[in-house]
Amino acid sequence: MFTAIAMAIPSARASMGNGGPHGRYLPILLVLALAGSLATQSPGATTAGTLRASGANFIVLTTGAALILALLNFLPALSLGPLAGG
């Protein structure tokens, strides 16, 4: 459907040709601008509630979160597999 419109109407062809790069590169530029603004900020004060990224606590929490997310991806298939086989 969209191919027929793009071939028939030159303005549609031009707008789709311009929209592709805008849709691809505009989010990249926005993320880079956000990263640049965050890079210029000074780090906050370290308090008792700050989770440092250099300790064992950070490693355990990060690994645990990754394992939980991986299990949530595979658990439905593992639990429904025997039912589907039937």
PDB file of N, CA and C in Angstrom:
ATOM      1  N   MET A   1       0.823  -1.182   0.000  1.00  0.00           N
ATOM      2  CA  MET A   1       0.000   0.000   0.000  1.00  0.00           C
ATOM      3  C   MET A   1       0.874   1.255   0.000  1.00  0.00           C
ATOM      4  N   PHE A   2       1.860   1.291   0.901  1.00  0.00           N
ATOM      5  CA  PHE A   2       2.687   2.481   0.978  1.00  0.00           C
ATOM      6  C   PHE A   2       3.581   2.615  -0.248  1.00  0.00           C
ATOM      7  N   THR A   3       3.952   1.502  -0.847  1.00  0.00           N
ATOM      8  CA  THR A   3       4.790   1.571  -2.032  1.00  0.00           C
ATOM      9  C   THR A   3       4.029   2.212  -3.183  1.00  0.00           C
ATOM     10  N   ALA A   4       2.762   1.868  -3.330  1.00  0.00           N
ATOM     11  CA  ALA A   4       1.959   2.450  -4.398  1.00  0.00           C
ATOM     12  C   ALA A   4       1.793   3.957  -4.204  1.00  0.00           C
ATOM     13  N   ILE A   5       1.609   4.378  -2.979  1.00  0.00           N
ATOM     14  CA  ILE A   5       1.475   5.812  -2.701  1.00  0.00           C
ATOM     15  C   ILE A   5       2.788   6.527  -2.997  1.00  0.00           C
ATOM     16  N   ALA A   6       3.894   5.940  -2.586  1.00  0.00           N
ATOM     17  CA  ALA A   6       5.191   6.585  -2.781  1.00  0.00           C
ATOM     18  C   ALA A   6       5.554   6.676  -4.253  1.00  0.00           C
ATOM     19  N   MET A   7       5.154   5.706  -5.044  1.00  0.00           N
ATOM     20  CA  MET A   7       5.486   5.757  -6.458  1.00  0.00           C
ATOM     21  C   MET A   7       4.580   6.718  -7.216  1.00  0.00           C
ATOM     22  N   ALA A   8       3.363   6.912  -6.731  1.00  0.00           N
ATOM     23  CA  ALA A   8       2.410   7.729  -7.463  1.00  0.00           C
ATOM     24  C   ALA A   8       2.542   9.219  -7.159  1.00  0.00           C
ATOM     25  N   ILE A   9       2.883   9.565  -5.933  1.00  0.00           N
ATOM     26  CA  ILE A   9       2.894  10.968  -5.512  1.00  0.00           C
ATOM     27  C   ILE A   9       4.330  11.382  -5.199  1.00  0.00           C
ATOM     28  N   PRO A  10       4.874  12.333  -5.950  1.00  0.00           N
ATOM     29  CA  PRO A  10       6.263  12.745  -5.695  1.00  0.00           C
ATOM     30  C   PRO A  10       6.476  13.340  -4.302  1.00  0.00           C
ATOM     31  N   SER A  11       5.486  14.067  -3.791  1.00  0.00           N
ATOM     32  CA  SER A  11       5.664  14.642  -2.457  1.00  0.00           C
ATOM     33  C   SER A  11       5.691  13.564  -1.388  1.00  0.00           C
ATOM     34  N   ALA A  12       4.937  12.485  -1.583  1.00  0.00           N
ATOM     35  CA  ALA A  12       4.982  11.379  -0.626  1.00  0.00           C
ATOM     36  C   ALA A  12       6.337  10.690  -0.685  1.00  0.00           C
ATOM     37  N   ARG A  13       6.874  10.554  -1.890  1.00  0.00           N
ATOM     38  CA  ARG A  13       8.191   9.938  -2.042  1.00  0.00           C
ATOM     39  C   ARG A  13       9.259  10.782  -1.358  1.00  0.00           C
ATOM     40  N   ALA A  14       9.159  12.095  -1.496  1.00  0.00           N
ATOM     41  CA  ALA A  14      10.136  12.981  -0.863  1.00  0.00           C
ATOM     42  C   ALA A  14       9.985  12.963   0.654  1.00  0.00           C
ATOM     43  N   SER A  15       8.736  12.934   1.137  1.00  0.00           N
ATOM     44  CA  SER A  15       8.550  12.955   2.581  1.00  0.00           C
ATOM     45  C   SER A  15       8.999  11.640   3.217  1.00  0.00           C
ATOM     46  N   MET A  16       8.769  10.512   2.534  1.00  0.00           N
ATOM     47  CA  MET A  16       9.256   9.234   3.069  1.00  0.00           C
ATOM     48  C   MET A  16      10.775   9.147   2.988  1.00  0.00           C
ATOM     49  N   GLY A  17      11.344   9.727   1.957  1.00  0.00           N
ATOM     50  CA  GLY A  17      12.799   9.731   1.841  1.00  0.00           C
ATOM     51  C   GLY A  17      13.453  10.591   2.903  1.00  0.00           C
ATOM     52  N   ASN A  18      12.796  11.665   3.302  1.00  0.00           N
ATOM     53  CA  ASN A  18      13.341  12.520   4.356  1.00  0.00           C
ATOM     54  C   ASN A  18      13.006  11.989   5.742  1.00  0.00           C
ATOM     55  N   GLY A  19      11.894  11.293   5.869  1.00  0.00           N
ATOM     56  CA  GLY A  19      11.475  10.808   7.181  1.00  0.00           C
ATOM     57  C   GLY A  19      12.321   9.666   7.698  1.00  0.00           C
ATOM     58  N   GLY A  20      12.864   8.857   6.802  1.00  0.00           N
ATOM     59  CA  GLY A  20      13.691   7.730   7.230  1.00  0.00           C
ATOM     60  C   GLY A  20      14.931   8.162   8.003  1.00  0.00           C
ATOM     61  N   PRO A  21      15.755   9.033   7.416  1.00  0.00           N
ATOM     62  CA  PRO A  21      16.932   9.488   8.163  1.00  0.00           C
ATOM     63  C   PRO A  21      16.578  10.268   9.433  1.00  0.00           C
ATOM     64  N   HIS A  22      15.499  11.044   9.376  1.00  0.00           N
ATOM     65  CA  HIS A  22      15.106  11.777  10.581  1.00  0.00           C
ATOM     66  C   HIS A  22      14.701  10.812  11.689  1.00  0.00           C
ATOM     67  N   GLY A  23      13.952   9.773  11.346  1.00  0.00           N
ATOM     68  CA  GLY A  23      13.530   8.799  12.338  1.00  0.00           C
ATOM     69  C   GLY A  23      14.674   7.974  12.885  1.00  0.00           C
ATOM     70  N   ARG A  24      15.731   7.848  12.102  1.00  0.00           N
ATOM     71  CA  ARG A  24      16.863   7.051  12.552  1.00  0.00           C
ATOM     72  C   ARG A  24      17.886   7.877  13.336  1.00  0.00           C
ATOM     73  N   TYR A  25      18.215   9.060  12.828  1.00  0.00           N
ATOM     74  CA  TYR A  25      19.318   9.812  13.404  1.00  0.00           C
ATOM     75  C   TYR A  25      18.902  10.813  14.474  1.00  0.00           C
ATOM     76  N   LEU A  26      17.662  11.256  14.473  1.00  0.00           N
ATOM     77  CA  LEU A  26      17.216  12.202  15.492  1.00  0.00           C
ATOM     78  C   LEU A  26      17.272  11.601  16.902  1.00  0.00           C
ATOM     79  N   PRO A  27      16.790  10.361  17.129  1.00  0.00           N
ATOM     80  CA  PRO A  27      16.939   9.795  18.477  1.00  0.00           C
ATOM     81  C   PRO A  27      18.396   9.619  18.896  1.00  0.00           C
ATOM     82  N   ILE A  28      19.260   9.287  17.938  1.00  0.00           N
ATOM     83  CA  ILE A  28      20.682   9.140  18.263  1.00  0.00           C
ATOM     84  C   ILE A  28      21.254  10.475  18.725  1.00  0.00           C
ATOM     85  N   LEU A  29      20.912  11.540  18.015  1.00  0.00           N
ATOM     86  CA  LEU A  29      21.414  12.863  18.395  1.00  0.00           C
ATOM     87  C   LEU A  29      20.860  13.304  19.747  1.00  0.00           C
ATOM     88  N   LEU A  30      19.595  12.983  20.030  1.00  0.00           N
ATOM     89  CA  LEU A  30      19.020  13.346  21.324  1.00  0.00           C
ATOM     90  C   LEU A  30      19.698  12.602  22.470  1.00  0.00           C
ATOM     91  N   VAL A  31      20.000  11.331  22.265  1.00  0.00           N
ATOM     92  CA  VAL A  31      20.684  10.562  23.309  1.00  0.00           C
ATOM     93  C   VAL A  31      22.101  11.084  23.513  1.00  0.00           C
ATOM     94  N   LEU A  32      22.781  11.442  22.433  1.00  0.00           N
ATOM     95  CA  LEU A  32      24.124  12.012  22.569  1.00  0.00           C
ATOM     96  C   LEU A  32      24.084  13.359  23.287  1.00  0.00           C
ATOM     97  N   ALA A  33      23.057  14.164  23.019  1.00  0.00           N
ATOM     98  CA  ALA A  33      22.932  15.442  23.721  1.00  0.00           C
ATOM     99  C   ALA A  33      22.666  15.213  25.206  1.00  0.00           C
ATOM    100  N   LEU A  34      21.836  14.236  25.531  1.00  0.00           N
ATOM    101  CA  LEU A  34      21.583  13.913  26.935  1.00  0.00           C
ATOM    102  C   LEU A  34      22.850  13.411  27.619  1.00  0.00           C
ATOM    103  N   ALA A  35      23.613  12.569  26.933  1.00  0.00           N
ATOM    104  CA  ALA A  35      24.861  12.067  27.503  1.00  0.00           C
ATOM    105  C   ALA A  35      25.858  13.202  27.715  1.00  0.00           C
ATOM    106  N   GLY A  36      25.912  14.142  26.788  1.00  0.00           N
ATOM    107  CA  GLY A  36      26.813  15.281  26.946  1.00  0.00           C
ATOM    108  C   GLY A  36      26.430  16.153  28.124  1.00  0.00           C
ATOM    109  N   SER A  37      25.126  16.361  28.319  1.00  0.00           N
ATOM    110  CA  SER A  37      24.716  17.183  29.458  1.00  0.00           C
ATOM    111  C   SER A  37      24.951  16.457  30.777  1.00  0.00           C
ATOM    112  N   LEU A  38      24.800  15.151  30.786  1.00  0.00           N
ATOM    113  CA  LEU A  38      25.076  14.402  32.019  1.00  0.00           C
ATOM    114  C   LEU A  38      26.573  14.315  32.303  1.00  0.00           C
ATOM    115  N   ALA A  39      27.389  14.318  31.256  1.00  0.00           N
ATOM    116  CA  ALA A  39      28.838  14.235  31.451  1.00  0.00           C
ATOM    117  C   ALA A  39      29.405  15.509  32.045  1.00  0.00           C
ATOM    118  N   THR A  40      28.753  16.634  31.814  1.00  0.00           N
ATOM    119  CA  THR A  40      29.277  17.888  32.342  1.00  0.00           C
ATOM    120  C   THR A  40      28.879  18.124  33.798  1.00  0.00           C
ATOM    121  N   GLN A  41      27.944  17.354  34.314  1.00  0.00           N
ATOM    122  CA  GLN A  41      27.522  17.537  35.702  1.00  0.00           C
ATOM    123  C   GLN A  41      28.584  16.996  36.650  1.00  0.00           C
ATOM    124  N   SER A  42      28.664  17.620  37.803  1.00  0.00           N
ATOM    125  CA  SER A  42      29.589  17.110  38.818  1.00  0.00           C
ATOM    126  C   SER A  42      28.904  15.980  39.579  1.00  0.00           C
ATOM    127  N   PRO A  43      29.658  15.006  40.041  1.00  0.00           N
ATOM    128  CA  PRO A  43      29.053  13.900  40.779  1.00  0.00           C
ATOM    129  C   PRO A  43      28.455  14.379  42.098  1.00  0.00           C
ATOM    130  N   GLY A  44      27.398  13.694  42.520  1.00  0.00           N
ATOM    131  CA  GLY A  44      26.731  14.065  43.762  1.00  0.00           C
ATOM    132  C   GLY A  44      27.529  13.639  44.979  1.00  0.00           C
ATOM    133  N   ALA A  45      27.084  14.083  46.117  1.00  0.00           N
ATOM    134  CA  ALA A  45      27.762  13.746  47.366  1.00  0.00           C
ATOM    135  C   ALA A  45      27.540  12.275  47.714  1.00  0.00           C
ATOM    136  N   THR A  46      28.566  11.639  48.210  1.00  0.00           N
ATOM    137  CA  THR A  46      28.473  10.245  48.622  1.00  0.00           C
ATOM    138  C   THR A  46      27.942  10.186  50.041  1.00  0.00           C
ATOM    139  N   THR A  47      26.824   9.473  50.211  1.00  0.00           N
ATOM    140  CA  THR A  47      26.213   9.333  51.534  1.00  0.00           C
ATOM    141  C   THR A  47      26.124   7.858  51.889  1.00  0.00           C
ATOM    142  N   ALA A  48      25.496   7.569  53.005  1.00  0.00           N
ATOM    143  CA  ALA A  48      25.359   6.185  53.442  1.00  0.00           C
ATOM    144  C   ALA A  48      24.437   5.392  52.515  1.00  0.00           C
ATOM    145  N   GLY A  49      23.543   6.064  51.812  1.00  0.00           N
ATOM    146  CA  GLY A  49      22.623   5.377  50.913  1.00  0.00           C
ATOM    147  C   GLY A  49      23.116   5.228  49.492  1.00  0.00           C
ATOM    148  N   THR A  50      24.340   5.644  49.218  1.00  0.00           N
ATOM    149  CA  THR A  50      24.887   5.564  47.872  1.00  0.00           C
ATOM    150  C   THR A  50      25.421   4.170  47.600  1.00  0.00           C
ATOM    151  N   LEU A  51      25.008   3.589  46.464  1.00  0.00           N
ATOM    152  CA  LEU A  51      25.510   2.277  46.059  1.00  0.00           C
ATOM    153  C   LEU A  51      26.733   2.488  45.173  1.00  0.00           C
ATOM    154  N   ARG A  52      27.894   2.179  45.727  1.00  0.00           N
ATOM    155  CA  ARG A  52      29.125   2.339  44.962  1.00  0.00           C
ATOM    156  C   ARG A  52      29.249   1.213  43.945  1.00  0.00           C
ATOM    157  N   ALA A  53      29.798   1.520  42.776  1.00  0.00           N
ATOM    158  CA  ALA A  53      29.926   0.533  41.708  1.00  0.00           C
ATOM    159  C   ALA A  53      31.232  -0.236  41.789  1.00  0.00           C
ATOM    160  N   SER A  54      31.926  -0.196  42.915  1.00  0.00           N
ATOM    161  CA  SER A  54      33.209  -0.876  43.025  1.00  0.00           C
ATOM    162  C   SER A  54      33.198  -1.965  44.086  1.00  0.00           C
ATOM    163  N   GLY A  55      32.070  -2.237  44.689  1.00  0.00           N
ATOM    164  CA  GLY A  55      32.047  -3.218  45.766  1.00  0.00           C
ATOM    165  C   GLY A  55      31.361  -4.509  45.370  1.00  0.00           C
ATOM    166  N   ALA A  56      31.417  -5.479  46.273  1.00  0.00           N
ATOM    167  CA  ALA A  56      30.791  -6.777  46.047  1.00  0.00           C
ATOM    168  C   ALA A  56      29.269  -6.655  46.039  1.00  0.00           C
ATOM    169  N   ASN A  57      28.735  -5.708  46.784  1.00  0.00           N
ATOM    170  CA  ASN A  57      27.290  -5.518  46.833  1.00  0.00           C
ATOM    171  C   ASN A  57      26.750  -5.166  45.443  1.00  0.00           C
ATOM    172  N   PHE A  58      27.440  -4.311  44.727  1.00  0.00           N
ATOM    173  CA  PHE A  58      27.024  -3.926  43.374  1.00  0.00           C
ATOM    174  C   PHE A  58      27.074  -5.128  42.438  1.00  0.00           C
ATOM    175  N   ILE A  59      28.110  -5.931  42.546  1.00  0.00           N
ATOM    176  CA  ILE A  59      28.256  -7.106  41.676  1.00  0.00           C
ATOM    177  C   ILE A  59      27.135  -8.103  41.937  1.00  0.00           C
ATOM    178  N   VAL A  60      26.832  -8.338  43.200  1.00  0.00           N
ATOM    179  CA  VAL A  60      25.779  -9.298  43.548  1.00  0.00           C
ATOM    180  C   VAL A  60      24.419  -8.795  43.073  1.00  0.00           C
ATOM    181  N   LEU A  61      24.125  -7.532  43.288  1.00  0.00           N
ATOM    182  CA  LEU A  61      22.830  -6.996  42.870  1.00  0.00           C
ATOM    183  C   LEU A  61      22.686  -6.966  41.351  1.00  0.00           C
ATOM    184  N   THR A  62      23.742  -6.603  40.637  1.00  0.00           N
ATOM    185  CA  THR A  62      23.678  -6.558  39.181  1.00  0.00           C
ATOM    186  C   THR A  62      23.528  -7.968  38.598  1.00  0.00           C
ATOM    187  N   THR A  63      24.307  -8.913  39.119  1.00  0.00           N
ATOM    188  CA  THR A  63      24.201 -10.292  38.646  1.00  0.00           C
ATOM    189  C   THR A  63      22.839 -10.878  38.976  1.00  0.00           C
ATOM    190  N   GLY A  64      22.331 -10.596  40.163  1.00  0.00           N
ATOM    191  CA  GLY A  64      21.007 -11.088  40.544  1.00  0.00           C
ATOM    192  C   GLY A  64      19.911 -10.523  39.665  1.00  0.00           C
ATOM    193  N   ALA A  65      19.975  -9.242  39.354  1.00  0.00           N
ATOM    194  CA  ALA A  65      18.970  -8.632  38.488  1.00  0.00           C
ATOM    195  C   ALA A  65      19.034  -9.223  37.083  1.00  0.00           C
ATOM    196  N   ALA A  66      20.238  -9.466  36.571  1.00  0.00           N
ATOM    197  CA  ALA A  66      20.378 -10.061  35.243  1.00  0.00           C
ATOM    198  C   ALA A  66      19.836 -11.489  35.225  1.00  0.00           C
ATOM    199  N   LEU A  67      20.100 -12.257  36.277  1.00  0.00           N
ATOM    200  CA  LEU A  67      19.583 -13.629  36.350  1.00  0.00           C
ATOM    201  C   LEU A  67      18.065 -13.648  36.452  1.00  0.00           C
ATOM    202  N   ILE A  68      17.497 -12.747  37.237  1.00  0.00           N
ATOM    203  CA  ILE A  68      16.041 -12.700  37.363  1.00  0.00           C
ATOM    204  C   ILE A  68      15.404 -12.350  36.017  1.00  0.00           C
ATOM    205  N   LEU A  69      15.971 -11.388  35.300  1.00  0.00           N
ATOM    206  CA  LEU A  69      15.432 -11.035  33.984  1.00  0.00           C
ATOM    207  C   LEU A  69      15.574 -12.182  32.989  1.00  0.00           C
ATOM    208  N   ALA A  70      16.687 -12.894  33.037  1.00  0.00           N
ATOM    209  CA  ALA A  70      16.867 -14.042  32.138  1.00  0.00           C
ATOM    210  C   ALA A  70      15.870 -15.151  32.470  1.00  0.00           C
ATOM    211  N   LEU A  71      15.654 -15.398  33.761  1.00  0.00           N
ATOM    212  CA  LEU A  71      14.682 -16.423  34.141  1.00  0.00           C
ATOM    213  C   LEU A  71      13.264 -16.017  33.755  1.00  0.00           C
ATOM    214  N   LEU A  72      12.939 -14.755  33.863  1.00  0.00           N
ATOM    215  CA  LEU A  72      11.609 -14.308  33.463  1.00  0.00           C
ATOM    216  C   LEU A  72      11.400 -14.443  31.956  1.00  0.00           C
ATOM    217  N   ASN A  73      12.463 -14.427  31.193  1.00  0.00           N
ATOM    218  CA  ASN A  73      12.339 -14.642  29.753  1.00  0.00           C
ATOM    219  C   ASN A  73      12.091 -16.104  29.416  1.00  0.00           C
ATOM    220  N   PHE A  74      12.756 -17.021  30.123  1.00  0.00           N
ATOM    221  CA  PHE A  74      12.690 -18.434  29.774  1.00  0.00           C
ATOM    222  C   PHE A  74      11.676 -19.224  30.577  1.00  0.00           C
ATOM    223  N   LEU A  75      11.255 -18.727  31.728  1.00  0.00           N
ATOM    224  CA  LEU A  75      10.356 -19.495  32.582  1.00  0.00           C
ATOM    225  C   LEU A  75       9.016 -19.798  31.932  1.00  0.00           C
ATOM    226  N   PRO A  76       8.369 -18.869  31.225  1.00  0.00           N
ATOM    227  CA  PRO A  76       7.099 -19.226  30.598  1.00  0.00           C
ATOM    228  C   PRO A  76       7.228 -20.373  29.595  1.00  0.00           C
ATOM    229  N   ALA A  77       8.284 -20.373  28.805  1.00  0.00           N
ATOM    230  CA  ALA A  77       8.466 -21.453  27.831  1.00  0.00           C
ATOM    231  C   ALA A  77       8.778 -22.769  28.520  1.00  0.00           C
ATOM    232  N   LEU A  78       9.548 -22.725  29.594  1.00  0.00           N
ATOM    233  CA  LEU A  78       9.878 -23.954  30.300  1.00  0.00           C
ATOM    234  C   LEU A  78       8.662 -24.535  31.014  1.00  0.00           C
ATOM    235  N   SER A  79       7.800 -23.674  31.530  1.00  0.00           N
ATOM    236  CA  SER A  79       6.632 -24.167  32.265  1.00  0.00           C
ATOM    237  C   SER A  79       5.506 -24.601  31.330  1.00  0.00           C
ATOM    238  N   LEU A  80       5.386 -23.970  30.161  1.00  0.00           N
ATOM    239  CA  LEU A  80       4.311 -24.316  29.244  1.00  0.00           C
ATOM    240  C   LEU A  80       4.741 -25.364  28.205  1.00  0.00           C
ATOM    241  N   GLY A  81       6.009 -25.669  28.138  1.00  0.00           N
ATOM    242  CA  GLY A  81       6.500 -26.660  27.176  1.00  0.00           C
ATOM    243  C   GLY A  81       5.868 -28.026  27.349  1.00  0.00           C
ATOM    244  N   PRO A  82       5.860 -28.585  28.560  1.00  0.00           N
ATOM    245  CA  PRO A  82       5.218 -29.905  28.742  1.00  0.00           C
ATOM    246  C   PRO A  82       3.721 -29.874  28.440  1.00  0.00           C
ATOM    247  N   LEU A  83       3.046 -28.778  28.708  1.00  0.00           N
ATOM    248  CA  LEU A  83       1.615 -28.698  28.414  1.00  0.00           C
ATOM    249  C   LEU A  83       1.353 -28.653  26.912  1.00  0.00           C
ATOM    250  N   ALA A  84       2.222 -27.949  26.184  1.00  0.00           N
ATOM    251  CA  ALA A  84       2.032 -27.846  24.749  1.00  0.00           C
ATOM    252  C   ALA A  84       2.377 -29.165  24.037  1.00  0.00           C
ATOM    253  N   GLY A  85       3.287 -29.923  24.618  1.00  0.00           N
ATOM    254  CA  GLY A  85       3.683 -31.206  24.014  1.00  0.00           C
ATOM    255  C   GLY A  85       2.644 -32.281  24.196  1.00  0.00           C
ATOM    256  N   GLY A  86       1.806 -32.113  25.163  1.00  0.00           N
ATOM    257  CA  GLY A  86       0.838 -32.959  25.441  1.00  0.00           C
ATOM    258  C   GLY A  86       0.115 -34.034  25.636  1.00  0.00           C
TER     259      GLY A  86
END
